[in-house]
Amino acid sequence: MHFAPDTVESLEFAVLLGNTHQLASRSGEDELGTAAQVHSLVMQFRFSGRIDRDDTEVAEVRAVRDRIRGVWKLTRDDAAIEINAMLAEANALPFLARHDDFDWHLHANDPEAPLAERIQAEVGLALVDVVRSDAMWRLRRCEAPDCEGLMADLSRNGSRRFCGIRCGNRMNQIAYRERQAVTD
């Protein structure tokens, strides 16, 4: 599946954001509990613009995270409705921008808008491309039975099964042990 680079980056961010939830995180805890954790996450994707680093922002980003996680459970038609609502509520008005070392890419709202609003709009724009490309099936949850991790399978053949190497290795190890038990 071929998406524009900014769409890919936003989908990767959405997965990373979604996987900070306690049901999907490596630690088993909510990994967006502090302003420092939120700041660290958004700096991995070099978010520009306003970042308040306060408790209100943490709560707003966590709410957006949970909303984005919900899109992974929706059908294409239901996702389209939810994404339209997300964009409208975030006051999205897409425009092309070029800054720092990024070439032309889409932004959806003013850099001084609250961080959670900008996240909702940026991820919403990426999800628009997923719906338009009829690629909702690429937004999946990890197949490990004890993991609620999200993934955006952007591989050529769309065959990813696990949210990351950790779950993949763990499930392969379990399958190996089960095969060995049958042969012994």
Protein backbone atom coordinates (compact mmCIF):
# COMPACT_ATOMS: atom_id res chain seq x y z
CA MET A 1 0.00 0.00 0.00
CA HIS A 2 1.41 3.34 -0.99
CA PHE A 3 0.42 6.43 0.99
CA ALA A 4 2.00 9.88 0.98
CA PRO A 5 4.90 10.17 3.45
CA ASP A 6 2.97 12.46 5.81
CA THR A 7 0.06 10.00 5.85
CA VAL A 8 2.43 7.15 6.73
CA GLU A 9 4.01 9.22 9.48
CA SER A 10 0.60 10.16 10.92
CA LEU A 11 -0.54 6.52 10.86
CA GLU A 12 2.67 5.45 12.59
CA PHE A 13 2.10 8.18 15.17
CA ALA A 14 -1.51 7.05 15.67
CA VAL A 15 -0.32 3.49 16.35
CA LEU A 16 2.38 4.65 18.76
CA LEU A 17 -0.12 6.92 20.50
CA GLY A 18 -2.76 4.18 20.66
CA ASN A 19 -0.27 1.73 22.06
CA THR A 20 0.43 3.93 25.09
CA HIS A 21 -2.90 2.70 26.48
CA GLN A 22 -2.52 0.35 29.43
CA LEU A 23 -4.07 -2.54 27.47
CA ALA A 24 -1.44 -2.20 24.74
CA SER A 25 1.67 -0.76 26.38
CA ARG A 26 4.81 -2.72 27.13
CA SER A 27 4.66 -1.66 30.76
CA GLY A 28 1.01 -2.60 31.22
CA GLU A 29 0.42 0.93 32.48
CA ASP A 30 -0.97 4.03 30.81
CA GLU A 31 2.15 5.56 29.31
CA LEU A 32 0.57 9.01 28.90
CA GLY A 33 0.20 9.83 32.57
CA THR A 34 2.36 12.92 32.68
CA ALA A 35 3.05 15.99 30.61
CA ALA A 36 6.64 14.78 30.19
CA GLN A 37 5.41 11.51 28.67
CA VAL A 38 3.13 13.36 26.24
CA HIS A 39 5.94 15.72 25.29
CA SER A 40 8.37 12.85 24.74
CA LEU A 41 5.87 11.05 22.50
CA VAL A 42 5.11 14.04 20.28
CA MET A 43 8.79 14.96 20.01
CA GLN A 44 9.49 11.53 18.49
CA PHE A 45 7.39 12.78 15.57
CA ARG A 46 8.70 16.33 15.72
CA PHE A 47 5.34 17.99 16.27
CA SER A 48 5.63 21.70 15.72
CA GLY A 49 3.50 24.39 17.33
CA ARG A 50 2.02 24.87 20.74
CA ILE A 51 2.67 22.35 23.50
CA ASP A 52 1.41 23.42 26.94
CA ARG A 53 2.87 20.60 29.06
CA ASP A 54 0.11 20.72 31.64
CA ASP A 55 -2.46 18.34 33.14
CA THR A 56 -5.25 19.63 30.90
CA GLU A 57 -3.22 18.81 27.81
CA VAL A 58 -2.47 15.31 29.16
CA ALA A 59 -6.18 14.65 29.71
CA GLU A 60 -7.09 15.99 26.26
CA VAL A 61 -4.42 13.92 24.49
CA ARG A 62 -5.52 10.79 26.37
CA ALA A 63 -9.12 11.39 25.29
CA VAL A 64 -8.04 11.81 21.66
CA ARG A 65 -5.92 8.67 21.97
CA ASP A 66 -8.94 6.66 23.11
CA ARG A 67 -11.02 8.07 20.28
CA ILE A 68 -8.38 7.17 17.71
CA ARG A 69 -8.11 3.66 19.17
CA GLY A 70 -11.84 3.33 18.61
CA VAL A 71 -11.47 3.89 14.86
CA TRP A 72 -9.55 0.60 14.63
CA LYS A 73 -12.77 -1.24 15.60
CA LEU A 74 -15.00 0.41 13.00
CA THR A 75 -16.18 -0.64 9.59
CA ARG A 76 -15.19 1.57 6.69
CA ASP A 77 -18.57 3.34 6.60
CA ASP A 78 -18.65 3.90 10.35
CA ALA A 79 -15.02 5.05 10.28
CA ALA A 80 -15.89 7.64 7.63
CA ILE A 81 -18.60 9.08 9.87
CA GLU A 82 -16.28 9.14 12.90
CA ILE A 83 -13.39 10.66 10.95
CA ASN A 84 -15.64 13.40 9.59
CA ALA A 85 -16.74 14.17 13.14
CA MET A 86 -13.13 14.18 14.36
CA LEU A 87 -12.09 16.62 11.64
CA ALA A 88 -15.06 18.90 12.24
CA GLU A 89 -14.53 18.97 16.01
CA ALA A 90 -10.84 19.71 15.53
CA ASN A 91 -11.71 22.66 13.27
CA ALA A 92 -9.64 21.09 10.50
CA LEU A 93 -8.96 23.25 7.50
CA PRO A 94 -6.21 21.41 5.60
CA PHE A 95 -3.38 23.40 4.08
CA LEU A 96 0.05 22.69 2.67
CA ALA A 97 3.02 23.60 4.85
CA ARG A 98 6.78 23.37 4.57
CA HIS A 99 8.94 23.94 7.63
CA ASP A 100 12.16 22.83 9.24
CA ASP A 101 13.51 20.01 7.06
CA PHE A 102 10.07 18.78 5.95
CA ASP A 103 9.02 19.24 2.34
CA TRP A 104 5.42 20.16 1.46
CA HIS A 105 2.93 18.24 3.58
CA LEU A 106 -0.54 18.68 5.02
CA HIS A 107 -1.41 20.37 8.26
CA ALA A 108 -4.97 20.69 9.36
CA ASN A 109 -5.13 23.56 11.78
CA ASP A 110 -3.29 26.49 13.30
CA PRO A 111 0.02 25.62 15.01
CA GLU A 112 -1.25 27.45 18.09
CA ALA A 113 -4.34 25.22 18.40
CA PRO A 114 -4.28 22.88 21.41
CA LEU A 115 -2.07 19.83 20.91
CA ALA A 116 -4.92 17.32 21.23
CA GLU A 117 -6.89 19.18 18.56
CA ARG A 118 -3.91 19.13 16.20
CA ILE A 119 -3.32 15.43 16.86
CA GLN A 120 -6.97 14.64 16.16
CA ALA A 121 -6.89 16.61 12.93
CA GLU A 122 -3.54 15.23 11.68
CA VAL A 123 -4.49 11.62 12.38
CA GLY A 124 -7.95 12.28 10.96
CA LEU A 125 -6.41 13.42 7.67
CA ALA A 126 -4.32 10.25 7.49
CA LEU A 127 -7.38 8.13 8.21
CA VAL A 128 -9.19 9.89 5.35
CA ASP A 129 -6.60 8.40 3.00
CA VAL A 130 -7.13 4.95 4.50
CA VAL A 131 -10.89 5.15 3.94
CA ARG A 132 -10.54 6.63 0.44
CA SER A 133 -8.14 3.83 -0.50
CA ASP A 134 -10.53 1.18 0.86
CA ALA A 135 -7.73 0.02 3.15
CA MET A 136 -9.44 -0.16 6.56
CA TRP A 137 -8.38 -3.80 6.72
CA ARG A 138 -4.81 -2.55 7.20
CA LEU A 139 -5.80 -1.03 10.55
CA ARG A 140 -5.83 -4.05 12.84
CA ARG A 141 -5.30 -5.13 16.38
CA CYS A 142 -2.52 -7.44 17.37
CA GLU A 143 -3.40 -11.13 17.02
CA ALA A 144 -1.70 -12.03 20.30
CA PRO A 145 -4.59 -13.06 22.59
CA ASP A 146 -3.34 -11.02 25.54
CA CYS A 147 -2.53 -7.83 23.62
CA GLU A 148 -4.74 -4.93 22.58
CA GLY A 149 -1.98 -3.31 20.53
CA LEU A 150 -2.82 -1.46 17.33
CA MET A 151 -1.05 -1.74 14.04
CA ALA A 152 -1.24 -0.08 10.68
CA ASP A 153 -0.02 -2.77 8.31
CA LEU A 154 1.71 -0.78 5.59
CA SER A 155 3.63 -3.77 4.26
CA ARG A 156 3.32 -4.59 0.58
CA ASN A 157 1.32 -7.79 1.08
CA GLY A 158 -0.53 -6.73 4.22
CA SER A 159 0.39 -9.86 6.16
CA ARG A 160 1.45 -8.48 9.54
CA ARG A 161 -0.19 -10.26 12.44
CA PHE A 162 1.37 -8.71 15.52
CA CYS A 163 1.82 -5.17 16.80
CA GLY A 164 5.55 -5.61 17.15
CA ILE A 165 8.49 -7.93 17.34
CA ARG A 166 7.88 -8.60 21.03
CA CYS A 167 4.41 -10.07 20.46
CA GLY A 168 5.50 -11.86 17.29
CA ASN A 169 8.45 -13.53 19.01
CA ARG A 170 6.34 -14.44 22.04
CA MET A 171 3.60 -16.02 19.91
CA ASN A 172 6.13 -17.87 17.76
CA GLN A 173 7.74 -19.24 20.91
CA ILE A 174 4.36 -20.44 22.21
CA ALA A 175 3.58 -22.10 18.87
CA TYR A 176 7.00 -23.79 18.88
CA ARG A 177 6.45 -25.14 22.40
CA GLU A 178 3.02 -26.44 21.41
CA ARG A 179 4.49 -28.24 18.38
CA GLN A 180 7.24 -29.73 20.52
CA ALA A 181 4.72 -30.97 23.10
CA VAL A 182 2.77 -32.78 20.35
CA THR A 183 5.90 -34.53 18.99
CA ASP A 184 7.24 -35.58 22.40
